[in-house]
Amino acid sequence: MGRARVTANDLTQYDSLADQWWDPRGPFAALGWIAAKRGELIPDATREDAVLVDVACGGGLLHPHIAGKGYRHVGVDQSERSLEVARAHGVDETLLSDVASLPMPDNSVDVVVAGQCLEHVPEPYKVVAECCRVLRPGGTLLLDTIADTLLARILIVTLTENLPLPGMAPKGCHDHRLFINRPRLLEAAAQGGVPLRIYGLWPQARALIPWFFNLRSTVPMFATRGSRVMFQAIGTKTATGRRGEA
């Protein structure tokens, strides 16, 4: 019998692997490291009823890194089992929804984060437009995702989905054809009134090697000048945005 065919970008995996969201050596380990970096960049709330919307929140990995910053943490995801995990780990409210159609009014949210999700959806720039739509003027938008480069395809798909090492992405987790075009991302956000700054994101090598040998529990992420593989983008909404397709 031949080997079973693996479907690229198989989103059903997030339900079947939901009990591994918080495993520090499981398939989502690197997402936890990125969530920690994301949390460092989120400012403290400036008003009493501030809301942070966590787009494609998964199992709620961001929550401990924003605890005490003054936000009501609202997680949105298309995986019902992942949302159950998120609630169990402190996320204040969860919404089962298509992330390309957020169930919030215009200009109603103080911070929007979309971590490692744009490369998994068929209309990523529509998701960006939605993030900008619900964000208040003066609010923060924070994204992290994967660039549409050959180098990213080799490192993220060819290597990490096939190496028999802890913390590697599940086979079929990504489809390189969905990786994100950085100029188009910038334009989509600008149309929504959010000028973005982009920089690369990479695990700290001196921590990564001990982590592989189970000598430490986590790996810090740091910003890099190059953004050809993983990258973050951050900006502040300066206007209500221009209507139209991204």
C-alpha atoms as a PDB file:
ATOM      1  CA  MET A   1       0.000   0.000   0.000  1.00  0.00           C
ATOM      2  CA  GLY A   2       1.365   3.438  -0.945  1.00  0.00           C
ATOM      3  CA  ARG A   3       1.908   6.297   1.437  1.00  0.00           C
ATOM      4  CA  ALA A   4      -1.216   8.398   2.112  1.00  0.00           C
ATOM      5  CA  ARG A   5      -1.322  11.659   0.220  1.00  0.00           C
ATOM      6  CA  VAL A   6      -0.993  14.745   2.426  1.00  0.00           C
ATOM      7  CA  THR A   7      -3.091  17.773   1.505  1.00  0.00           C
ATOM      8  CA  ALA A   8      -1.213  21.079   1.644  1.00  0.00           C
ATOM      9  CA  ASN A   9      -2.593  23.647   4.097  1.00  0.00           C
ATOM     10  CA  ASP A  10      -4.873  21.076   5.724  1.00  0.00           C
ATOM     11  CA  LEU A  11      -6.817  23.233   8.185  1.00  0.00           C
ATOM     12  CA  THR A  12      -8.578  20.235   9.708  1.00  0.00           C
ATOM     13  CA  GLN A  13      -5.300  19.521  11.511  1.00  0.00           C
ATOM     14  CA  TYR A  14      -6.016  22.336  13.937  1.00  0.00           C
ATOM     15  CA  ASP A  15      -8.989  20.432  15.325  1.00  0.00           C
ATOM     16  CA  SER A  16      -7.205  17.091  15.423  1.00  0.00           C
ATOM     17  CA  LEU A  17      -4.073  18.584  17.050  1.00  0.00           C
ATOM     18  CA  ALA A  18      -5.881  20.992  19.392  1.00  0.00           C
ATOM     19  CA  ASP A  19      -4.695  19.175  22.523  1.00  0.00           C
ATOM     20  CA  GLN A  20      -1.081  19.965  21.541  1.00  0.00           C
ATOM     21  CA  TRP A  21      -1.347  23.765  21.386  1.00  0.00           C
ATOM     22  CA  TRP A  22       0.476  24.210  24.697  1.00  0.00           C
ATOM     23  CA  ASP A  23       2.980  21.360  24.359  1.00  0.00           C
ATOM     24  CA  PRO A  24       6.384  23.130  24.626  1.00  0.00           C
ATOM     25  CA  ARG A  25       7.953  20.525  22.337  1.00  0.00           C
ATOM     26  CA  GLY A  26       4.949  19.822  20.140  1.00  0.00           C
ATOM     27  CA  PRO A  27       4.083  20.926  16.597  1.00  0.00           C
ATOM     28  CA  PHE A  28       3.003  24.409  17.721  1.00  0.00           C
ATOM     29  CA  ALA A  29       6.065  25.145  19.877  1.00  0.00           C
ATOM     30  CA  ALA A  30       7.432  27.821  17.528  1.00  0.00           C
ATOM     31  CA  LEU A  31       4.045  29.547  17.491  1.00  0.00           C
ATOM     32  CA  GLY A  32       4.427  29.964  21.234  1.00  0.00           C
ATOM     33  CA  TRP A  33       7.816  31.612  20.765  1.00  0.00           C
ATOM     34  CA  ILE A  34       6.352  33.996  18.192  1.00  0.00           C
ATOM     35  CA  ALA A  35       3.392  34.767  20.466  1.00  0.00           C
ATOM     36  CA  ALA A  36       5.830  35.830  23.184  1.00  0.00           C
ATOM     37  CA  LYS A  37       7.537  38.244  20.779  1.00  0.00           C
ATOM     38  CA  ARG A  38       4.132  39.522  19.672  1.00  0.00           C
ATOM     39  CA  GLY A  39       3.172  40.211  23.266  1.00  0.00           C
ATOM     40  CA  GLU A  40       6.278  42.353  23.812  1.00  0.00           C
ATOM     41  CA  LEU A  41       5.112  44.742  21.080  1.00  0.00           C
ATOM     42  CA  ILE A  42       1.557  45.275  22.293  1.00  0.00           C
ATOM     43  CA  PRO A  43       1.259  48.540  24.254  1.00  0.00           C
ATOM     44  CA  ASP A  44      -0.592  48.830  27.535  1.00  0.00           C
ATOM     45  CA  ALA A  45      -4.254  49.752  27.182  1.00  0.00           C
ATOM     46  CA  THR A  46      -5.026  53.462  27.405  1.00  0.00           C
ATOM     47  CA  ARG A  47      -8.710  53.169  28.303  1.00  0.00           C
ATOM     48  CA  GLU A  48     -10.740  51.115  30.737  1.00  0.00           C
ATOM     49  CA  ASP A  49     -12.800  49.080  28.255  1.00  0.00           C
ATOM     50  CA  ALA A  50     -10.004  48.364  25.747  1.00  0.00           C
ATOM     51  CA  VAL A  51     -10.395  45.338  23.481  1.00  0.00           C
ATOM     52  CA  LEU A  52      -7.728  43.257  21.760  1.00  0.00           C
ATOM     53  CA  VAL A  53      -8.907  41.005  18.940  1.00  0.00           C
ATOM     54  CA  ASP A  54      -6.709  37.983  18.313  1.00  0.00           C
ATOM     55  CA  VAL A  55      -7.420  36.855  14.735  1.00  0.00           C
ATOM     56  CA  ALA A  56      -6.910  33.101  14.272  1.00  0.00           C
ATOM     57  CA  CYS A  57      -6.091  32.843  17.971  1.00  0.00           C
ATOM     58  CA  GLY A  58      -5.654  29.071  17.933  1.00  0.00           C
ATOM     59  CA  GLY A  59      -5.218  27.762  21.468  1.00  0.00           C
ATOM     60  CA  GLY A  60      -4.728  31.234  22.953  1.00  0.00           C
ATOM     61  CA  LEU A  61      -0.928  31.243  23.044  1.00  0.00           C
ATOM     62  CA  LEU A  62      -0.841  35.051  23.173  1.00  0.00           C
ATOM     63  CA  HIS A  63      -2.842  35.333  26.380  1.00  0.00           C
ATOM     64  CA  PRO A  64      -0.110  35.035  29.051  1.00  0.00           C
ATOM     65  CA  HIS A  65       1.956  37.639  27.208  1.00  0.00           C
ATOM     66  CA  ILE A  66      -0.754  40.330  27.397  1.00  0.00           C
ATOM     67  CA  ALA A  67      -2.063  39.527  30.870  1.00  0.00           C
ATOM     68  CA  GLY A  68      -2.014  42.691  32.950  1.00  0.00           C
ATOM     69  CA  LYS A  69      -1.941  45.036  29.941  1.00  0.00           C
ATOM     70  CA  GLY A  70      -5.570  45.997  30.429  1.00  0.00           C
ATOM     71  CA  TYR A  71      -7.345  44.425  27.454  1.00  0.00           C
ATOM     72  CA  ARG A  72     -10.371  42.221  27.081  1.00  0.00           C
ATOM     73  CA  HIS A  73      -8.826  39.440  24.999  1.00  0.00           C
ATOM     74  CA  VAL A  74     -11.220  38.312  22.247  1.00  0.00           C
ATOM     75  CA  GLY A  75     -10.105  35.310  20.192  1.00  0.00           C
ATOM     76  CA  VAL A  76     -11.515  34.596  16.735  1.00  0.00           C
ATOM     77  CA  ASP A  77     -10.883  31.284  14.997  1.00  0.00           C
ATOM     78  CA  GLN A  78     -12.412  28.761  12.622  1.00  0.00           C
ATOM     79  CA  SER A  79     -11.435  25.764  14.782  1.00  0.00           C
ATOM     80  CA  GLU A  80     -14.005  25.077  17.491  1.00  0.00           C
ATOM     81  CA  ARG A  81     -11.702  22.734  19.423  1.00  0.00           C
ATOM     82  CA  SER A  82      -8.894  25.302  19.392  1.00  0.00           C
ATOM     83  CA  LEU A  83     -11.277  27.908  20.814  1.00  0.00           C
ATOM     84  CA  GLU A  84     -12.126  25.521  23.656  1.00  0.00           C
ATOM     85  CA  VAL A  85      -8.416  25.335  24.465  1.00  0.00           C
ATOM     86  CA  ALA A  86      -8.116  29.131  24.249  1.00  0.00           C
ATOM     87  CA  ARG A  87     -10.926  29.614  26.773  1.00  0.00           C
ATOM     88  CA  ALA A  88      -9.327  27.096  29.098  1.00  0.00           C
ATOM     89  CA  HIS A  89      -6.119  29.146  28.998  1.00  0.00           C
ATOM     90  CA  GLY A  90      -7.665  32.479  29.925  1.00  0.00           C
ATOM     91  CA  VAL A  91      -8.903  34.099  26.712  1.00  0.00           C
ATOM     92  CA  ASP A  92     -11.852  36.224  27.844  1.00  0.00           C
ATOM     93  CA  GLU A  93     -14.173  35.683  24.888  1.00  0.00           C
ATOM     94  CA  THR A  94     -14.010  33.422  21.846  1.00  0.00           C
ATOM     95  CA  LEU A  95     -15.868  33.695  18.541  1.00  0.00           C
ATOM     96  CA  LEU A  96     -16.192  30.938  15.950  1.00  0.00           C
ATOM     97  CA  SER A  97     -16.001  32.905  12.701  1.00  0.00           C
ATOM     98  CA  ASP A  98     -14.477  33.216   9.267  1.00  0.00           C
ATOM     99  CA  VAL A  99     -11.491  35.499   9.860  1.00  0.00           C
ATOM    100  CA  ALA A 100     -12.167  37.222   6.520  1.00  0.00           C
ATOM    101  CA  SER A 101     -15.449  38.530   7.949  1.00  0.00           C
ATOM    102  CA  LEU A 102     -14.861  39.668  11.517  1.00  0.00           C
ATOM    103  CA  PRO A 103     -18.025  40.002  13.652  1.00  0.00           C
ATOM    104  CA  MET A 104     -17.190  43.474  15.003  1.00  0.00           C
ATOM    105  CA  PRO A 105     -18.298  46.992  14.045  1.00  0.00           C
ATOM    106  CA  ASP A 106     -16.039  49.438  12.228  1.00  0.00           C
ATOM    107  CA  ASN A 107     -13.509  51.333  14.372  1.00  0.00           C
ATOM    108  CA  SER A 108     -14.366  49.382  17.535  1.00  0.00           C
ATOM    109  CA  VAL A 109     -11.151  47.612  18.600  1.00  0.00           C
ATOM    110  CA  ASP A 110      -7.993  48.968  20.229  1.00  0.00           C
ATOM    111  CA  VAL A 111      -5.518  46.308  19.061  1.00  0.00           C
ATOM    112  CA  VAL A 112      -5.786  43.685  16.334  1.00  0.00           C
ATOM    113  CA  VAL A 113      -3.235  40.899  16.007  1.00  0.00           C
ATOM    114  CA  ALA A 114      -3.158  38.257  13.280  1.00  0.00           C
ATOM    115  CA  GLY A 115      -0.362  35.833  14.017  1.00  0.00           C
ATOM    116  CA  GLN A 116       0.810  33.177  11.567  1.00  0.00           C
ATOM    117  CA  CYS A 117      -2.565  32.959   9.846  1.00  0.00           C
ATOM    118  CA  LEU A 118      -2.432  35.022   6.640  1.00  0.00           C
ATOM    119  CA  GLU A 119      -0.441  32.251   4.927  1.00  0.00           C
ATOM    120  CA  HIS A 120      -3.286  29.797   5.596  1.00  0.00           C
ATOM    121  CA  VAL A 121      -6.297  31.637   4.163  1.00  0.00           C
ATOM    122  CA  PRO A 122      -7.426  31.971   0.519  1.00  0.00           C
ATOM    123  CA  GLU A 123      -7.958  35.749   0.745  1.00  0.00           C
ATOM    124  CA  PRO A 124      -5.236  37.075   3.063  1.00  0.00           C
ATOM    125  CA  TYR A 125      -5.463  40.684   1.907  1.00  0.00           C
ATOM    126  CA  LYS A 126      -9.189  40.657   2.635  1.00  0.00           C
ATOM    127  CA  VAL A 127      -8.328  39.514   6.163  1.00  0.00           C
ATOM    128  CA  VAL A 128      -5.922  42.458   6.441  1.00  0.00           C
ATOM    129  CA  ALA A 129      -8.666  44.808   5.232  1.00  0.00           C
ATOM    130  CA  GLU A 130     -10.994  43.402   7.901  1.00  0.00           C
ATOM    131  CA  CYS A 131      -8.356  43.897  10.598  1.00  0.00           C
ATOM    132  CA  CYS A 132      -7.999  47.534   9.536  1.00  0.00           C
ATOM    133  CA  ARG A 133     -11.774  48.022   9.361  1.00  0.00           C
ATOM    134  CA  VAL A 134     -12.453  47.012  12.966  1.00  0.00           C
ATOM    135  CA  LEU A 135      -9.420  48.879  14.357  1.00  0.00           C
ATOM    136  CA  ARG A 136      -9.956  52.267  15.990  1.00  0.00           C
ATOM    137  CA  PRO A 137      -7.953  55.260  14.727  1.00  0.00           C
ATOM    138  CA  GLY A 138      -4.857  55.323  16.924  1.00  0.00           C
ATOM    139  CA  GLY A 139      -5.074  51.561  17.451  1.00  0.00           C
ATOM    140  CA  THR A 140      -2.291  49.061  16.811  1.00  0.00           C
ATOM    141  CA  LEU A 141      -2.228  46.403  14.079  1.00  0.00           C
ATOM    142  CA  LEU A 142       0.326  43.604  14.481  1.00  0.00           C
ATOM    143  CA  LEU A 143       0.774  40.835  11.917  1.00  0.00           C
ATOM    144  CA  ASP A 144       3.283  38.025  11.476  1.00  0.00           C
ATOM    145  CA  THR A 145       3.411  35.620   8.583  1.00  0.00           C
ATOM    146  CA  ILE A 146       5.627  34.050   5.884  1.00  0.00           C
ATOM    147  CA  ALA A 147       7.022  35.723   2.763  1.00  0.00           C
ATOM    148  CA  ASP A 148       6.368  34.408  -0.751  1.00  0.00           C
ATOM    149  CA  THR A 149       9.990  33.580  -1.508  1.00  0.00           C
ATOM    150  CA  LEU A 150      11.822  30.455  -2.628  1.00  0.00           C
ATOM    151  CA  LEU A 151      13.920  30.587   0.538  1.00  0.00           C
ATOM    152  CA  ALA A 152      10.768  30.546   2.686  1.00  0.00           C
ATOM    153  CA  ARG A 153       9.412  27.597   0.723  1.00  0.00           C
ATOM    154  CA  ILE A 154      12.618  25.610   1.278  1.00  0.00           C
ATOM    155  CA  LEU A 155      12.928  26.399   4.984  1.00  0.00           C
ATOM    156  CA  ILE A 156       9.277  26.348   6.048  1.00  0.00           C
ATOM    157  CA  VAL A 157       7.888  23.570   3.852  1.00  0.00           C
ATOM    158  CA  THR A 158      10.707  21.390   2.511  1.00  0.00           C
ATOM    159  CA  LEU A 159      12.701  21.321   5.757  1.00  0.00           C
ATOM    160  CA  THR A 160      10.467  21.963   8.761  1.00  0.00           C
ATOM    161  CA  GLU A 161       7.629  19.731   7.564  1.00  0.00           C
ATOM    162  CA  ASN A 162       9.992  16.835   6.872  1.00  0.00           C
ATOM    163  CA  LEU A 163      12.726  16.895   9.525  1.00  0.00           C
ATOM    164  CA  PRO A 164      12.159  14.316  12.307  1.00  0.00           C
ATOM    165  CA  LEU A 165      12.829  16.844  15.084  1.00  0.00           C
ATOM    166  CA  PRO A 166      10.712  18.206  17.954  1.00  0.00           C
ATOM    167  CA  GLY A 167       8.699  21.343  17.308  1.00  0.00           C
ATOM    168  CA  MET A 168       8.485  20.892  13.547  1.00  0.00           C
ATOM    169  CA  ALA A 169       5.327  21.918  11.685  1.00  0.00           C
ATOM    170  CA  PRO A 170       2.956  19.050  10.852  1.00  0.00           C
ATOM    171  CA  LYS A 171       3.204  17.583   7.364  1.00  0.00           C
ATOM    172  CA  GLY A 172       0.774  19.445   5.122  1.00  0.00           C
ATOM    173  CA  CYS A 173       0.585  22.472   7.419  1.00  0.00           C
ATOM    174  CA  HIS A 174       1.577  24.953   4.688  1.00  0.00           C
ATOM    175  CA  ASP A 175       0.967  25.628   1.017  1.00  0.00           C
ATOM    176  CA  HIS A 176       3.735  27.840  -0.381  1.00  0.00           C
ATOM    177  CA  ARG A 177       1.304  29.235  -2.961  1.00  0.00           C
ATOM    178  CA  LEU A 178      -0.449  31.063  -0.117  1.00  0.00           C
ATOM    179  CA  PHE A 179       2.680  32.737   1.236  1.00  0.00           C
ATOM    180  CA  ILE A 180       2.420  36.516   1.500  1.00  0.00           C
ATOM    181  CA  ASN A 181       3.581  39.152  -0.968  1.00  0.00           C
ATOM    182  CA  ARG A 182       5.029  41.944   1.153  1.00  0.00           C
ATOM    183  CA  PRO A 183       4.311  44.925  -1.168  1.00  0.00           C
ATOM    184  CA  ARG A 184       0.730  43.771  -1.581  1.00  0.00           C
ATOM    185  CA  LEU A 185       0.378  43.391   2.190  1.00  0.00           C
ATOM    186  CA  LEU A 186       1.630  46.943   2.695  1.00  0.00           C
ATOM    187  CA  GLU A 187      -0.834  48.245   0.124  1.00  0.00           C
ATOM    188  CA  ALA A 188      -3.780  46.373   1.659  1.00  0.00           C
ATOM    189  CA  ALA A 189      -3.030  47.840   5.087  1.00  0.00           C
ATOM    190  CA  ALA A 190      -2.456  51.324   3.676  1.00  0.00           C
ATOM    191  CA  GLN A 191      -5.868  51.197   2.014  1.00  0.00           C
ATOM    192  CA  GLY A 192      -7.292  50.544   5.468  1.00  0.00           C
ATOM    193  CA  GLY A 193      -5.486  53.531   6.955  1.00  0.00           C
ATOM    194  CA  VAL A 194      -2.644  51.590   8.591  1.00  0.00           C
ATOM    195  CA  PRO A 195       0.901  52.222   7.332  1.00  0.00           C
ATOM    196  CA  LEU A 196       3.001  49.209   8.299  1.00  0.00           C
ATOM    197  CA  ARG A 197       6.655  48.706   9.137  1.00  0.00           C
ATOM    198  CA  ILE A 198       8.018  45.281   8.157  1.00  0.00           C
ATOM    199  CA  TYR A 199      11.019  43.436   9.600  1.00  0.00           C
ATOM    200  CA  GLY A 200      12.180  39.842   9.709  1.00  0.00           C
ATOM    201  CA  LEU A 201      11.624  37.405  12.562  1.00  0.00           C
ATOM    202  CA  TRP A 202      13.997  34.587  13.484  1.00  0.00           C
ATOM    203  CA  PRO A 203      14.678  32.235  16.419  1.00  0.00           C
ATOM    204  CA  GLN A 204      17.776  32.898  18.483  1.00  0.00           C
ATOM    205  CA  ALA A 205      20.330  30.313  17.323  1.00  0.00           C
ATOM    206  CA  ARG A 206      22.161  30.028  20.652  1.00  0.00           C
ATOM    207  CA  ALA A 207      18.854  29.128  22.317  1.00  0.00           C
ATOM    208  CA  LEU A 208      17.513  26.939  19.512  1.00  0.00           C
ATOM    209  CA  ILE A 209      20.228  24.297  19.717  1.00  0.00           C
ATOM    210  CA  PRO A 210      19.859  23.727  23.501  1.00  0.00           C
ATOM    211  CA  TRP A 211      16.079  23.615  23.010  1.00  0.00           C
ATOM    212  CA  PHE A 212      16.429  20.749  20.531  1.00  0.00           C
ATOM    213  CA  PHE A 213      18.339  18.830  23.211  1.00  0.00           C
ATOM    214  CA  ASN A 214      15.656  19.616  25.820  1.00  0.00           C
ATOM    215  CA  LEU A 215      18.012  21.859  27.794  1.00  0.00           C
ATOM    216  CA  ARG A 216      15.639  24.827  27.756  1.00  0.00           C
ATOM    217  CA  SER A 217      11.873  25.228  27.499  1.00  0.00           C
ATOM    218  CA  THR A 218      11.555  28.076  25.000  1.00  0.00           C
ATOM    219  CA  VAL A 219      13.414  30.024  22.323  1.00  0.00           C
ATOM    220  CA  PRO A 220      13.379  33.833  22.078  1.00  0.00           C
ATOM    221  CA  MET A 221      12.595  35.375  18.699  1.00  0.00           C
ATOM    222  CA  PHE A 222      14.422  38.464  17.486  1.00  0.00           C
ATOM    223  CA  ALA A 223      13.916  41.024  14.749  1.00  0.00           C
ATOM    224  CA  THR A 224      16.140  40.973  11.656  1.00  0.00           C
ATOM    225  CA  ARG A 225      16.673  43.346   8.752  1.00  0.00           C
ATOM    226  CA  GLY A 226      15.883  40.675   6.182  1.00  0.00           C
ATOM    227  CA  SER A 227      12.231  39.669   5.829  1.00  0.00           C
ATOM    228  CA  ARG A 228      12.502  36.928   3.197  1.00  0.00           C
ATOM    229  CA  VAL A 229      11.226  34.107   5.410  1.00  0.00           C
ATOM    230  CA  MET A 230       9.165  34.940   8.505  1.00  0.00           C
ATOM    231  CA  PHE A 231       8.334  38.553   9.175  1.00  0.00           C
ATOM    232  CA  GLN A 232       6.297  40.833  11.392  1.00  0.00           C
ATOM    233  CA  ALA A 233       4.487  44.012  10.430  1.00  0.00           C
ATOM    234  CA  ILE A 234       3.254  46.659  12.845  1.00  0.00           C
ATOM    235  CA  GLY A 235       1.448  49.955  12.412  1.00  0.00           C
ATOM    236  CA  THR A 236      -0.963  52.475  13.902  1.00  0.00           C
ATOM    237  CA  LYS A 237      -4.260  53.335  12.280  1.00  0.00           C
ATOM    238  CA  THR A 238      -4.156  56.959  11.188  1.00  0.00           C
ATOM    239  CA  ALA A 239      -7.483  57.170   9.314  1.00  0.00           C
ATOM    240  CA  THR A 240     -10.714  55.300   8.663  1.00  0.00           C
ATOM    241  CA  GLY A 241      -9.246  53.947   5.415  1.00  0.00           C
ATOM    242  CA  ARG A 242     -10.283  53.932   1.800  1.00  0.00           C
ATOM    243  CA  ARG A 243     -13.142  51.748   0.622  1.00  0.00           C
ATOM    244  CA  GLY A 244     -12.484  49.188  -2.086  1.00  0.00           C
ATOM    245  CA  GLU A 245     -10.877  45.835  -2.646  1.00  0.00           C
ATOM    246  CA  ALA A 246      -7.405  45.220  -1.275  1.00  0.00           C
END
